[in-house]
Amino acid sequence: TTTTTSSSEGDPVVNPVVTLDAHNWTETLTGEWMIEFYAPWCPACRSFASKWKLFAESAKEFDVKVAAVDISENPGLSGRFLVVKLPTVFHVIDGNFRMYNALRTENELIRFIEKKLWMEYDPLSSWNSPTSPVMTLLSAFFQFSSFFRNVQETMQNSYGIPTFAVYIILALCTIAVGLFLGLLLIYCIECVFPPSSNKQRNSDRDRGRGRAPPSD
């Protein structure tokens, strides 16, 4: 989505940088995009922000959409794209993802799309592409980890629970969830492959030895 602000004259100003999140990131699978991953607390990201916005204005000329992802608000996307440093920039065209590793200047970014320098980069392989099942699973793991971190902060800050007690509570919850999922898996297996009764197994064994099965 694009954001709109007001200028000093009161006229609306549309932010050329599209804000991506877990709900609309799939828009990047069509057309050509440049995506930046950043965090508000990152000094390098803050210094890069003005260059990225200027680049977004210039990219319109080449029919390239420019977007940004705040990883502090979207941990699942940082896992899906396997972001390990900030800021990280990706080029996307028709669903093929490439990591941008050139200089982070406005001129170099424009040159990258104008001269189609992205063709010199290999796209991400099928297994670590953001659309792959592996990265989808990793995204879910990142979201789950973020959820647990938020729960921990809420228990400490809102309820004043000591840190050691929070860890104990979360550990017990993790064990309980693991036991529940284990029992659920066993139940599903028994429903699909019901075990034979002891009597049936004994009858089959006796029949195989040539003896009559015991009568009731």
C-alpha atoms as a PDB file:
ATOM      1  CA  THR A   1       0.000   0.000   0.000  1.00  0.00           C
ATOM      2  CA  THR A   2       1.083   3.588  -0.575  1.00  0.00           C
ATOM      3  CA  THR A   3       0.938   6.227   2.125  1.00  0.00           C
ATOM      4  CA  THR A   4      -0.238   9.812   1.732  1.00  0.00           C
ATOM      5  CA  THR A   5       1.009  12.823   3.674  1.00  0.00           C
ATOM      6  CA  SER A   6       0.273  16.543   3.457  1.00  0.00           C
ATOM      7  CA  SER A   7       2.649  19.182   2.181  1.00  0.00           C
ATOM      8  CA  SER A   8       3.118  22.599   3.793  1.00  0.00           C
ATOM      9  CA  GLU A   9       0.481  23.961   1.388  1.00  0.00           C
ATOM     10  CA  GLY A  10      -1.976  21.290   2.481  1.00  0.00           C
ATOM     11  CA  ASP A  11      -1.830  19.326  -0.791  1.00  0.00           C
ATOM     12  CA  PRO A  12      -1.651  15.537  -0.442  1.00  0.00           C
ATOM     13  CA  VAL A  13       1.757  13.993  -1.183  1.00  0.00           C
ATOM     14  CA  VAL A  14       1.841  10.320  -2.148  1.00  0.00           C
ATOM     15  CA  ASN A  15       4.802   8.366  -0.815  1.00  0.00           C
ATOM     16  CA  PRO A  16       6.383   6.639  -3.845  1.00  0.00           C
ATOM     17  CA  VAL A  17       7.558   3.737  -1.658  1.00  0.00           C
ATOM     18  CA  VAL A  18       4.998   0.937  -1.333  1.00  0.00           C
ATOM     19  CA  THR A  19       4.685  -0.515   2.164  1.00  0.00           C
ATOM     20  CA  LEU A  20       4.689  -4.318   2.079  1.00  0.00           C
ATOM     21  CA  ASP A  21       3.493  -6.678   4.784  1.00  0.00           C
ATOM     22  CA  ALA A  22       2.445 -10.305   5.206  1.00  0.00           C
ATOM     23  CA  HIS A  23      -0.865  -9.629   3.434  1.00  0.00           C
ATOM     24  CA  ASN A  24       0.241  -7.863   0.258  1.00  0.00           C
ATOM     25  CA  TRP A  25       3.820  -9.024  -0.399  1.00  0.00           C
ATOM     26  CA  THR A  26       2.578 -11.402  -3.123  1.00  0.00           C
ATOM     27  CA  GLU A  27       1.895  -8.344  -5.293  1.00  0.00           C
ATOM     28  CA  THR A  28       5.620  -8.434  -6.039  1.00  0.00           C
ATOM     29  CA  LEU A  29       5.191 -11.701  -7.946  1.00  0.00           C
ATOM     30  CA  THR A  30       3.988  -9.757 -10.983  1.00  0.00           C
ATOM     31  CA  GLY A  31       5.889  -6.973 -12.701  1.00  0.00           C
ATOM     32  CA  GLU A  32       9.259  -5.563 -11.665  1.00  0.00           C
ATOM     33  CA  TRP A  33      10.043  -4.489  -8.115  1.00  0.00           C
ATOM     34  CA  MET A  34      12.849  -3.330  -5.866  1.00  0.00           C
ATOM     35  CA  ILE A  35      12.290  -4.172  -2.186  1.00  0.00           C
ATOM     36  CA  GLU A  36      14.164  -2.853   0.830  1.00  0.00           C
ATOM     37  CA  PHE A  37      14.130  -4.568   4.223  1.00  0.00           C
ATOM     38  CA  TYR A  38      14.829  -2.202   7.100  1.00  0.00           C
ATOM     39  CA  ALA A  39      14.283  -1.599  10.788  1.00  0.00           C
ATOM     40  CA  PRO A  40      13.571   1.748  12.516  1.00  0.00           C
ATOM     41  CA  TRP A  41      16.383   1.169  15.033  1.00  0.00           C
ATOM     42  CA  CYS A  42      19.007   0.541  12.299  1.00  0.00           C
ATOM     43  CA  PRO A  43      21.334   3.570  11.755  1.00  0.00           C
ATOM     44  CA  ALA A  44      22.336   2.403   8.251  1.00  0.00           C
ATOM     45  CA  CYS A  45      18.657   2.086   7.324  1.00  0.00           C
ATOM     46  CA  ARG A  46      17.891   5.603   8.519  1.00  0.00           C
ATOM     47  CA  SER A  47      20.707   7.085   6.426  1.00  0.00           C
ATOM     48  CA  PHE A  48      19.575   5.056   3.408  1.00  0.00           C
ATOM     49  CA  ALA A  49      15.898   6.066   3.684  1.00  0.00           C
ATOM     50  CA  SER A  50      16.187   9.376   1.802  1.00  0.00           C
ATOM     51  CA  LYS A  51      18.160   7.752  -1.039  1.00  0.00           C
ATOM     52  CA  TRP A  52      15.558   4.987  -1.306  1.00  0.00           C
ATOM     53  CA  LYS A  53      12.726   7.504  -1.553  1.00  0.00           C
ATOM     54  CA  LEU A  54      14.513   9.497  -4.284  1.00  0.00           C
ATOM     55  CA  PHE A  55      15.183   6.259  -6.130  1.00  0.00           C
ATOM     56  CA  ALA A  56      11.483   5.371  -5.880  1.00  0.00           C
ATOM     57  CA  GLU A  57      10.583   8.655  -7.590  1.00  0.00           C
ATOM     58  CA  SER A  58      13.035   7.994 -10.431  1.00  0.00           C
ATOM     59  CA  ALA A  59      12.054   4.323 -10.820  1.00  0.00           C
ATOM     60  CA  LYS A  60       8.586   5.318 -12.060  1.00  0.00           C
ATOM     61  CA  GLU A  61      10.199   6.263 -15.373  1.00  0.00           C
ATOM     62  CA  PHE A  62      11.257   2.638 -15.855  1.00  0.00           C
ATOM     63  CA  ASP A  63       7.940   1.156 -14.726  1.00  0.00           C
ATOM     64  CA  VAL A  64       9.597  -0.343 -11.644  1.00  0.00           C
ATOM     65  CA  LYS A  65       7.760  -0.342  -8.322  1.00  0.00           C
ATOM     66  CA  VAL A  66       9.761   0.363  -5.175  1.00  0.00           C
ATOM     67  CA  ALA A  67       8.734  -1.067  -1.817  1.00  0.00           C
ATOM     68  CA  ALA A  68       9.921  -1.353   1.777  1.00  0.00           C
ATOM     69  CA  VAL A  69       9.384  -3.865   4.576  1.00  0.00           C
ATOM     70  CA  ASP A  70       9.763  -3.018   8.261  1.00  0.00           C
ATOM     71  CA  ILE A  71      11.070  -6.285   9.719  1.00  0.00           C
ATOM     72  CA  SER A  72      10.172  -5.228  13.259  1.00  0.00           C
ATOM     73  CA  GLU A  73       6.516  -5.252  12.181  1.00  0.00           C
ATOM     74  CA  ASN A  74       6.819  -8.196   9.783  1.00  0.00           C
ATOM     75  CA  PRO A  75       9.156 -10.850  11.237  1.00  0.00           C
ATOM     76  CA  GLY A  76       7.558 -13.490   9.044  1.00  0.00           C
ATOM     77  CA  LEU A  77       8.719 -11.700   5.888  1.00  0.00           C
ATOM     78  CA  SER A  78      12.251 -11.358   7.219  1.00  0.00           C
ATOM     79  CA  GLY A  79      12.260 -15.136   7.632  1.00  0.00           C
ATOM     80  CA  ARG A  80      10.667 -15.762   4.250  1.00  0.00           C
ATOM     81  CA  PHE A  81      13.374 -13.676   2.540  1.00  0.00           C
ATOM     82  CA  LEU A  82      16.081 -14.869   4.964  1.00  0.00           C
ATOM     83  CA  VAL A  83      17.199 -11.349   5.812  1.00  0.00           C
ATOM     84  CA  VAL A  84      20.451 -11.472   7.795  1.00  0.00           C
ATOM     85  CA  LYS A  85      21.671  -7.870   7.451  1.00  0.00           C
ATOM     86  CA  LEU A  86      20.140  -4.424   7.185  1.00  0.00           C
ATOM     87  CA  PRO A  87      19.313  -2.811   4.950  1.00  0.00           C
ATOM     88  CA  THR A  88      18.832  -5.643   2.453  1.00  0.00           C
ATOM     89  CA  VAL A  89      17.575  -4.978  -1.080  1.00  0.00           C
ATOM     90  CA  PHE A  90      15.984  -7.458  -3.482  1.00  0.00           C
ATOM     91  CA  HIS A  91      15.165  -7.125  -7.155  1.00  0.00           C
ATOM     92  CA  VAL A  92      12.084  -9.026  -8.321  1.00  0.00           C
ATOM     93  CA  ILE A  93      10.827  -9.524 -11.840  1.00  0.00           C
ATOM     94  CA  ASP A  94       8.007 -11.902 -12.774  1.00  0.00           C
ATOM     95  CA  GLY A  95       8.435 -13.866  -9.556  1.00  0.00           C
ATOM     96  CA  ASN A  96      12.235 -14.280  -9.838  1.00  0.00           C
ATOM     97  CA  PHE A  97      14.117 -12.912  -6.835  1.00  0.00           C
ATOM     98  CA  ARG A  98      17.674 -11.585  -6.856  1.00  0.00           C
ATOM     99  CA  MET A  99      19.623  -9.989  -4.030  1.00  0.00           C
ATOM    100  CA  TYR A 100      21.065  -6.573  -4.819  1.00  0.00           C
ATOM    101  CA  ASN A 101      24.727  -6.375  -3.816  1.00  0.00           C
ATOM    102  CA  ALA A 102      25.908  -3.181  -5.552  1.00  0.00           C
ATOM    103  CA  LEU A 103      26.442   0.275  -4.038  1.00  0.00           C
ATOM    104  CA  ARG A 104      23.460   1.686  -2.168  1.00  0.00           C
ATOM    105  CA  THR A 105      23.360   5.061  -3.917  1.00  0.00           C
ATOM    106  CA  GLU A 106      20.542   6.570  -5.932  1.00  0.00           C
ATOM    107  CA  ASN A 107      22.584   6.682  -9.140  1.00  0.00           C
ATOM    108  CA  GLU A 108      23.754   3.088  -8.811  1.00  0.00           C
ATOM    109  CA  LEU A 109      20.222   1.874  -8.088  1.00  0.00           C
ATOM    110  CA  ILE A 110      18.888   3.678 -11.160  1.00  0.00           C
ATOM    111  CA  ARG A 111      21.724   2.298 -13.271  1.00  0.00           C
ATOM    112  CA  PHE A 112      20.884  -1.202 -11.988  1.00  0.00           C
ATOM    113  CA  ILE A 113      17.366  -1.099 -13.426  1.00  0.00           C
ATOM    114  CA  GLU A 114      18.069   1.132 -16.425  1.00  0.00           C
ATOM    115  CA  LYS A 115      20.893  -1.054 -17.756  1.00  0.00           C
ATOM    116  CA  LYS A 116      19.180  -4.245 -16.580  1.00  0.00           C
ATOM    117  CA  LEU A 117      22.261  -5.172 -14.580  1.00  0.00           C
ATOM    118  CA  TRP A 118      20.111  -7.593 -12.607  1.00  0.00           C
ATOM    119  CA  MET A 119      20.530 -10.002 -15.522  1.00  0.00           C
ATOM    120  CA  GLU A 120      24.129 -10.515 -14.344  1.00  0.00           C
ATOM    121  CA  TYR A 121      22.834 -11.926 -11.054  1.00  0.00           C
ATOM    122  CA  ASP A 122      21.598 -15.482 -10.601  1.00  0.00           C
ATOM    123  CA  PRO A 123      18.046 -15.676  -9.227  1.00  0.00           C
ATOM    124  CA  LEU A 124      17.460 -17.391  -5.916  1.00  0.00           C
ATOM    125  CA  SER A 125      17.207 -21.152  -6.252  1.00  0.00           C
ATOM    126  CA  SER A 126      13.865 -22.902  -6.041  1.00  0.00           C
ATOM    127  CA  TRP A 127      14.406 -24.109  -2.465  1.00  0.00           C
ATOM    128  CA  ASN A 128      15.246 -20.693  -0.948  1.00  0.00           C
ATOM    129  CA  SER A 129      12.918 -18.603  -3.064  1.00  0.00           C
ATOM    130  CA  PRO A 130      10.406 -16.734  -0.839  1.00  0.00           C
ATOM    131  CA  THR A 131       7.600 -18.676  -2.516  1.00  0.00           C
ATOM    132  CA  SER A 132       9.051 -22.126  -1.700  1.00  0.00           C
ATOM    133  CA  PRO A 133       7.588 -24.430   0.984  1.00  0.00           C
ATOM    134  CA  VAL A 134      10.885 -24.289   2.904  1.00  0.00           C
ATOM    135  CA  MET A 135      10.822 -20.513   3.215  1.00  0.00           C
ATOM    136  CA  THR A 136       7.100 -20.564   3.991  1.00  0.00           C
ATOM    137  CA  LEU A 137       7.858 -22.868   6.920  1.00  0.00           C
ATOM    138  CA  LEU A 138      10.723 -20.613   8.014  1.00  0.00           C
ATOM    139  CA  SER A 139       8.380 -17.631   7.848  1.00  0.00           C
ATOM    140  CA  ALA A 140       5.949 -19.400  10.164  1.00  0.00           C
ATOM    141  CA  PHE A 141       8.807 -20.167  12.570  1.00  0.00           C
ATOM    142  CA  PHE A 142       9.818 -16.502  12.669  1.00  0.00           C
ATOM    143  CA  GLN A 143       6.223 -15.465  13.329  1.00  0.00           C
ATOM    144  CA  PHE A 144       5.918 -18.033  16.113  1.00  0.00           C
ATOM    145  CA  SER A 145       9.169 -16.811  17.684  1.00  0.00           C
ATOM    146  CA  SER A 146       7.938 -13.225  17.501  1.00  0.00           C
ATOM    147  CA  PHE A 147       4.678 -14.246  19.177  1.00  0.00           C
ATOM    148  CA  PHE A 148       6.553 -15.867  22.058  1.00  0.00           C
ATOM    149  CA  ARG A 149       8.755 -12.786  22.443  1.00  0.00           C
ATOM    150  CA  ASN A 150       5.676 -10.554  22.617  1.00  0.00           C
ATOM    151  CA  VAL A 151       4.116 -12.842  25.220  1.00  0.00           C
ATOM    152  CA  GLN A 152       7.315 -12.705  27.260  1.00  0.00           C
ATOM    153  CA  GLU A 153       7.440  -8.905  27.130  1.00  0.00           C
ATOM    154  CA  THR A 154       3.759  -8.644  28.078  1.00  0.00           C
ATOM    155  CA  MET A 155       4.189 -10.960  31.074  1.00  0.00           C
ATOM    156  CA  GLN A 156       7.205  -9.016  32.294  1.00  0.00           C
ATOM    157  CA  ASN A 157       6.119  -5.448  31.578  1.00  0.00           C
ATOM    158  CA  SER A 158       2.351  -5.633  32.116  1.00  0.00           C
ATOM    159  CA  TYR A 159       2.140  -8.234  34.893  1.00  0.00           C
ATOM    160  CA  GLY A 160       5.537  -7.807  36.553  1.00  0.00           C
ATOM    161  CA  ILE A 161       6.389 -11.514  36.396  1.00  0.00           C
ATOM    162  CA  PRO A 162      10.126 -12.144  37.016  1.00  0.00           C
ATOM    163  CA  THR A 163      12.226 -13.234  34.051  1.00  0.00           C
ATOM    164  CA  PHE A 164      13.018 -16.699  35.458  1.00  0.00           C
ATOM    165  CA  ALA A 165       9.316 -17.330  36.126  1.00  0.00           C
ATOM    166  CA  VAL A 166       8.440 -16.299  32.554  1.00  0.00           C
ATOM    167  CA  TYR A 167      10.954 -18.786  31.180  1.00  0.00           C
ATOM    168  CA  ILE A 168       9.559 -21.551  33.375  1.00  0.00           C
ATOM    169  CA  ILE A 169       5.989 -20.808  32.288  1.00  0.00           C
ATOM    170  CA  LEU A 170       6.949 -20.723  28.597  1.00  0.00           C
ATOM    171  CA  ALA A 171       8.954 -23.948  28.956  1.00  0.00           C
ATOM    172  CA  LEU A 172       5.995 -25.725  30.570  1.00  0.00           C
ATOM    173  CA  CYS A 173       3.691 -24.424  27.829  1.00  0.00           C
ATOM    174  CA  THR A 174       6.107 -25.668  25.166  1.00  0.00           C
ATOM    175  CA  ILE A 175       6.231 -29.123  26.770  1.00  0.00           C
ATOM    176  CA  ALA A 176       2.439 -29.234  27.052  1.00  0.00           C
ATOM    177  CA  VAL A 177       2.001 -28.250  23.403  1.00  0.00           C
ATOM    178  CA  GLY A 178       4.583 -30.887  22.375  1.00  0.00           C
ATOM    179  CA  LEU A 179       2.781 -33.601  24.343  1.00  0.00           C
ATOM    180  CA  PHE A 180      -0.558 -32.595  22.861  1.00  0.00           C
ATOM    181  CA  LEU A 181       0.787 -32.666  19.299  1.00  0.00           C
ATOM    182  CA  GLY A 182       2.471 -36.027  19.965  1.00  0.00           C
ATOM    183  CA  LEU A 183      -0.747 -37.577  21.250  1.00  0.00           C
ATOM    184  CA  LEU A 184      -2.665 -36.065  18.338  1.00  0.00           C
ATOM    185  CA  LEU A 185      -0.186 -37.606  15.899  1.00  0.00           C
ATOM    186  CA  ILE A 186      -0.494 -41.025  17.540  1.00  0.00           C
ATOM    187  CA  TYR A 187      -4.290 -40.791  17.413  1.00  0.00           C
ATOM    188  CA  CYS A 188      -4.210 -39.878  13.706  1.00  0.00           C
ATOM    189  CA  ILE A 189      -1.856 -42.778  12.941  1.00  0.00           C
ATOM    190  CA  GLU A 190      -4.093 -45.248  14.769  1.00  0.00           C
ATOM    191  CA  CYS A 191      -7.121 -43.934  12.903  1.00  0.00           C
ATOM    192  CA  VAL A 192      -5.416 -44.441   9.551  1.00  0.00           C
ATOM    193  CA  PHE A 193      -3.662 -47.703  10.478  1.00  0.00           C
ATOM    194  CA  PRO A 194      -5.736 -49.335  13.226  1.00  0.00           C
ATOM    195  CA  PRO A 195      -3.691 -51.929  15.190  1.00  0.00           C
ATOM    196  CA  SER A 196      -4.743 -55.596  15.052  1.00  0.00           C
ATOM    197  CA  SER A 197      -6.028 -57.107  18.303  1.00  0.00           C
ATOM    198  CA  ASN A 198      -3.866 -59.554  20.246  1.00  0.00           C
ATOM    199  CA  LYS A 199      -6.409 -62.289  19.592  1.00  0.00           C
ATOM    200  CA  GLN A 200      -6.228 -61.763  15.856  1.00  0.00           C
ATOM    201  CA  ARG A 201      -2.438 -61.798  15.924  1.00  0.00           C
ATOM    202  CA  ASN A 202      -2.398 -65.051  17.962  1.00  0.00           C
ATOM    203  CA  SER A 203      -4.955 -66.629  15.627  1.00  0.00           C
ATOM    204  CA  ASP A 204      -2.887 -65.741  12.587  1.00  0.00           C
ATOM    205  CA  ARG A 205       0.275 -67.104  14.216  1.00  0.00           C
ATOM    206  CA  ASP A 206      -1.410 -70.421  15.184  1.00  0.00           C
ATOM    207  CA  ARG A 207      -2.908 -70.783  11.727  1.00  0.00           C
ATOM    208  CA  GLY A 208       0.533 -70.326  10.254  1.00  0.00           C
ATOM    209  CA  ARG A 209       1.845 -73.197  12.438  1.00  0.00           C
ATOM    210  CA  GLY A 210      -0.942 -75.511  11.343  1.00  0.00           C
ATOM    211  CA  ARG A 211      -2.762 -75.505  14.647  1.00  0.00           C
ATOM    212  CA  ALA A 212      -6.369 -74.625  15.223  1.00  0.00           C
ATOM    213  CA  PRO A 213      -6.821 -71.306  16.923  1.00  0.00           C
ATOM    214  CA  PRO A 214      -7.907 -71.559  20.590  1.00  0.00           C
ATOM    215  CA  SER A 215     -11.635 -71.487  21.127  1.00  0.00           C
ATOM    216  CA  ASP A 216     -13.313 -68.938  23.297  1.00  0.00           C
END
